[in-house]
Amino acid sequence: MTNLFDWYTRGALKLVNAPSKTIFYSIKQDISEETVDFILSELEARRSFRESNLEKLAALIKSDKKPEYGICEHLNIPI
């Protein structure tokens, strides 16, 4: 707890409004280019995965298949 006070007095810690009996804090740290690239690639992979699944869902909705069959196919559940 002493560190929190020291960080606040040195300006390394900024306080914002928070729910009562709660404290949030963060420490300013430099992020390497390698870390930034990794984070961006992970976010892009997740976005692509979600877009792909959304396109599959849209195709299922537009098709004549029963939704149950499309869901089972997506989850690799034999019918």
N, C-alpha and C. Protein backbone atom coordinates (compact mmCIF):
# COMPACT_ATOMS: atom_id res chain seq x y z
N MET A 1 0.83 -1.19 0.00
CA MET A 1 0.00 0.00 0.00
C MET A 1 0.86 1.25 0.00
N THR A 2 2.04 1.18 0.62
CA THR A 2 2.94 2.34 0.65
C THR A 2 3.37 2.70 -0.77
N ASN A 3 3.59 1.69 -1.62
CA ASN A 3 3.97 1.96 -3.01
C ASN A 3 2.92 2.78 -3.73
N LEU A 4 1.66 2.51 -3.48
CA LEU A 4 0.60 3.27 -4.13
C LEU A 4 0.70 4.75 -3.78
N PHE A 5 0.93 5.05 -2.52
CA PHE A 5 1.06 6.44 -2.11
C PHE A 5 2.28 7.09 -2.75
N ASP A 6 3.40 6.37 -2.77
CA ASP A 6 4.62 6.91 -3.40
C ASP A 6 4.40 7.17 -4.89
N TRP A 7 3.78 6.24 -5.57
CA TRP A 7 3.51 6.41 -7.00
C TRP A 7 2.61 7.62 -7.24
N TYR A 8 1.60 7.80 -6.38
CA TYR A 8 0.69 8.93 -6.53
C TYR A 8 1.42 10.25 -6.33
N THR A 9 2.26 10.34 -5.32
CA THR A 9 2.96 11.59 -5.04
C THR A 9 3.98 11.92 -6.12
N ARG A 10 4.56 10.92 -6.78
CA ARG A 10 5.52 11.17 -7.86
C ARG A 10 4.84 11.39 -9.21
N GLY A 11 3.52 11.22 -9.26
CA GLY A 11 2.80 11.43 -10.50
C GLY A 11 2.78 10.20 -11.40
N ALA A 12 3.32 9.09 -10.92
CA ALA A 12 3.32 7.86 -11.71
C ALA A 12 1.96 7.17 -11.65
N LEU A 13 1.13 7.59 -10.72
CA LEU A 13 -0.19 7.00 -10.54
C LEU A 13 -1.22 8.11 -10.65
N LYS A 14 -2.19 7.90 -11.51
CA LYS A 14 -3.28 8.87 -11.68
C LYS A 14 -4.56 8.23 -11.16
N LEU A 15 -5.30 8.96 -10.37
CA LEU A 15 -6.56 8.45 -9.83
C LEU A 15 -7.72 8.99 -10.66
N VAL A 16 -8.70 8.14 -10.88
CA VAL A 16 -9.92 8.53 -11.59
C VAL A 16 -11.10 8.11 -10.75
N ASN A 17 -12.28 8.53 -11.14
CA ASN A 17 -13.47 8.13 -10.41
C ASN A 17 -13.63 6.62 -10.49
N ALA A 18 -13.98 6.04 -9.39
CA ALA A 18 -14.18 4.59 -9.33
C ALA A 18 -15.30 4.32 -8.34
N PRO A 19 -15.86 3.14 -8.41
CA PRO A 19 -16.88 2.80 -7.41
C PRO A 19 -16.31 2.90 -6.00
N SER A 20 -17.16 3.16 -5.03
CA SER A 20 -16.68 3.29 -3.66
C SER A 20 -16.03 1.99 -3.21
N LYS A 21 -15.07 2.12 -2.33
CA LYS A 21 -14.31 1.00 -1.78
C LYS A 21 -13.52 0.23 -2.85
N THR A 22 -13.20 0.90 -3.93
CA THR A 22 -12.45 0.27 -5.02
C THR A 22 -11.37 1.22 -5.48
N ILE A 23 -10.22 0.68 -5.82
CA ILE A 23 -9.14 1.50 -6.37
C ILE A 23 -8.59 0.78 -7.58
N PHE A 24 -8.41 1.53 -8.65
CA PHE A 24 -7.80 1.02 -9.87
C PHE A 24 -6.51 1.78 -10.06
N TYR A 25 -5.47 1.10 -10.47
CA TYR A 25 -4.23 1.80 -10.75
C TYR A 25 -3.52 1.14 -11.91
N SER A 26 -2.69 1.91 -12.57
CA SER A 26 -1.86 1.35 -13.64
C SER A 26 -0.50 2.02 -13.56
N ILE A 27 0.48 1.33 -14.07
CA ILE A 27 1.85 1.84 -14.07
C ILE A 27 2.25 2.07 -15.52
N LYS A 28 2.77 3.24 -15.79
CA LYS A 28 3.18 3.55 -17.16
C LYS A 28 4.42 2.72 -17.49
N GLN A 29 4.31 1.96 -18.56
CA GLN A 29 5.42 1.14 -19.01
C GLN A 29 5.55 1.27 -20.51
N ASP A 30 6.77 1.25 -21.00
CA ASP A 30 6.99 1.26 -22.43
C ASP A 30 6.78 -0.14 -22.98
N ILE A 31 6.16 -0.20 -24.15
CA ILE A 31 5.90 -1.49 -24.79
C ILE A 31 6.81 -1.59 -26.01
N SER A 32 7.48 -2.72 -26.13
CA SER A 32 8.39 -2.92 -27.26
C SER A 32 7.59 -3.09 -28.55
N GLU A 33 8.24 -2.82 -29.67
CA GLU A 33 7.61 -3.01 -30.98
C GLU A 33 7.21 -4.46 -31.18
N GLU A 34 8.02 -5.37 -30.67
CA GLU A 34 7.73 -6.80 -30.79
C GLU A 34 6.42 -7.13 -30.09
N THR A 35 6.21 -6.57 -28.90
CA THR A 35 4.98 -6.81 -28.15
C THR A 35 3.79 -6.19 -28.87
N VAL A 36 3.96 -5.00 -29.38
CA VAL A 36 2.88 -4.33 -30.12
C VAL A 36 2.50 -5.16 -31.34
N ASP A 37 3.49 -5.63 -32.09
CA ASP A 37 3.22 -6.46 -33.27
C ASP A 37 2.50 -7.74 -32.89
N PHE A 38 2.91 -8.35 -31.78
CA PHE A 38 2.26 -9.58 -31.32
C PHE A 38 0.80 -9.31 -30.97
N ILE A 39 0.54 -8.25 -30.23
CA ILE A 39 -0.83 -7.91 -29.84
C ILE A 39 -1.69 -7.65 -31.07
N LEU A 40 -1.15 -6.88 -32.02
CA LEU A 40 -1.90 -6.57 -33.23
C LEU A 40 -2.19 -7.82 -34.05
N SER A 41 -1.23 -8.73 -34.14
CA SER A 41 -1.46 -9.95 -34.90
C SER A 41 -2.50 -10.84 -34.22
N GLU A 42 -2.48 -10.89 -32.89
CA GLU A 42 -3.48 -11.65 -32.16
C GLU A 42 -4.88 -11.07 -32.36
N LEU A 43 -4.98 -9.75 -32.30
CA LEU A 43 -6.28 -9.10 -32.51
C LEU A 43 -6.78 -9.34 -33.93
N GLU A 44 -5.90 -9.29 -34.90
CA GLU A 44 -6.28 -9.54 -36.29
C GLU A 44 -6.75 -10.98 -36.48
N ALA A 45 -6.06 -11.93 -35.85
CA ALA A 45 -6.46 -13.33 -35.95
C ALA A 45 -7.85 -13.55 -35.34
N ARG A 46 -8.09 -12.94 -34.21
CA ARG A 46 -9.40 -13.07 -33.56
C ARG A 46 -10.49 -12.44 -34.42
N ARG A 47 -10.20 -11.25 -34.99
CA ARG A 47 -11.18 -10.58 -35.83
C ARG A 47 -11.50 -11.42 -37.06
N SER A 48 -10.48 -11.99 -37.68
CA SER A 48 -10.68 -12.83 -38.86
C SER A 48 -11.51 -14.06 -38.52
N PHE A 49 -11.22 -14.67 -37.39
CA PHE A 49 -11.97 -15.85 -36.94
C PHE A 49 -13.44 -15.50 -36.74
N ARG A 50 -13.69 -14.38 -36.09
CA ARG A 50 -15.08 -13.97 -35.83
C ARG A 50 -15.80 -13.61 -37.12
N GLU A 51 -15.11 -12.92 -38.04
CA GLU A 51 -15.72 -12.59 -39.32
C GLU A 51 -16.06 -13.85 -40.10
N SER A 52 -15.17 -14.82 -40.06
CA SER A 52 -15.41 -16.08 -40.76
C SER A 52 -16.65 -16.78 -40.20
N ASN A 53 -16.76 -16.82 -38.88
CA ASN A 53 -17.94 -17.44 -38.27
C ASN A 53 -19.21 -16.66 -38.56
N LEU A 54 -19.12 -15.34 -38.63
CA LEU A 54 -20.28 -14.53 -38.97
C LEU A 54 -20.72 -14.81 -40.40
N GLU A 55 -19.77 -14.95 -41.31
CA GLU A 55 -20.11 -15.28 -42.70
C GLU A 55 -20.76 -16.66 -42.79
N LYS A 56 -20.26 -17.61 -42.01
CA LYS A 56 -20.87 -18.95 -41.98
C LYS A 56 -22.30 -18.87 -41.47
N LEU A 57 -22.51 -18.07 -40.42
CA LEU A 57 -23.85 -17.92 -39.86
C LEU A 57 -24.79 -17.28 -40.88
N ALA A 58 -24.31 -16.25 -41.56
CA ALA A 58 -25.14 -15.58 -42.57
C ALA A 58 -25.49 -16.56 -43.70
N ALA A 59 -24.53 -17.37 -44.12
CA ALA A 59 -24.79 -18.37 -45.17
C ALA A 59 -25.81 -19.40 -44.69
N LEU A 60 -25.71 -19.80 -43.43
CA LEU A 60 -26.66 -20.76 -42.87
C LEU A 60 -28.06 -20.17 -42.85
N ILE A 61 -28.17 -18.92 -42.47
CA ILE A 61 -29.48 -18.27 -42.40
C ILE A 61 -30.10 -18.18 -43.79
N LYS A 62 -29.27 -17.88 -44.80
CA LYS A 62 -29.76 -17.74 -46.17
C LYS A 62 -30.06 -19.09 -46.83
N SER A 63 -29.49 -20.16 -46.32
CA SER A 63 -29.67 -21.47 -46.94
C SER A 63 -31.02 -22.07 -46.56
N ASP A 64 -31.30 -23.19 -47.20
CA ASP A 64 -32.55 -23.90 -46.91
C ASP A 64 -32.38 -24.94 -45.80
N LYS A 65 -31.17 -25.04 -45.25
CA LYS A 65 -30.91 -26.03 -44.19
C LYS A 65 -31.65 -25.65 -42.92
N LYS A 66 -31.99 -26.69 -42.17
CA LYS A 66 -32.52 -26.43 -40.83
C LYS A 66 -31.36 -25.94 -39.97
N PRO A 67 -31.60 -24.98 -39.09
CA PRO A 67 -30.51 -24.46 -38.24
C PRO A 67 -29.78 -25.54 -37.45
N GLU A 68 -30.53 -26.57 -37.00
CA GLU A 68 -29.91 -27.63 -36.22
C GLU A 68 -28.80 -28.33 -37.00
N TYR A 69 -29.04 -28.55 -38.28
CA TYR A 69 -28.04 -29.22 -39.11
C TYR A 69 -26.79 -28.35 -39.28
N GLY A 70 -27.00 -27.07 -39.49
CA GLY A 70 -25.87 -26.16 -39.64
C GLY A 70 -25.03 -26.06 -38.37
N ILE A 71 -25.71 -26.04 -37.24
CA ILE A 71 -25.00 -25.97 -35.95
C ILE A 71 -24.21 -27.25 -35.72
N CYS A 72 -24.85 -28.40 -35.98
CA CYS A 72 -24.14 -29.67 -35.81
C CYS A 72 -22.94 -29.75 -36.74
N GLU A 73 -23.10 -29.29 -37.96
CA GLU A 73 -21.99 -29.30 -38.91
C GLU A 73 -20.85 -28.41 -38.41
N HIS A 74 -21.18 -27.25 -37.91
CA HIS A 74 -20.17 -26.31 -37.41
C HIS A 74 -19.42 -26.90 -36.22
N LEU A 75 -20.13 -27.61 -35.36
CA LEU A 75 -19.52 -28.18 -34.16
C LEU A 75 -18.98 -29.58 -34.38
N ASN A 76 -19.03 -30.03 -35.63
CA ASN A 76 -18.54 -31.38 -35.99
C ASN A 76 -19.26 -32.48 -35.20
N ILE A 77 -20.55 -32.32 -35.06
CA ILE A 77 -21.38 -33.32 -34.39
C ILE A 77 -22.08 -34.13 -35.47
N PRO A 78 -21.87 -35.44 -35.50
CA PRO A 78 -22.54 -36.25 -36.52
C PRO A 78 -24.05 -36.26 -36.32
N ILE A 79 -24.74 -36.23 -37.44
CA ILE A 79 -26.22 -36.19 -37.39
C ILE A 79 -26.77 -37.58 -37.60
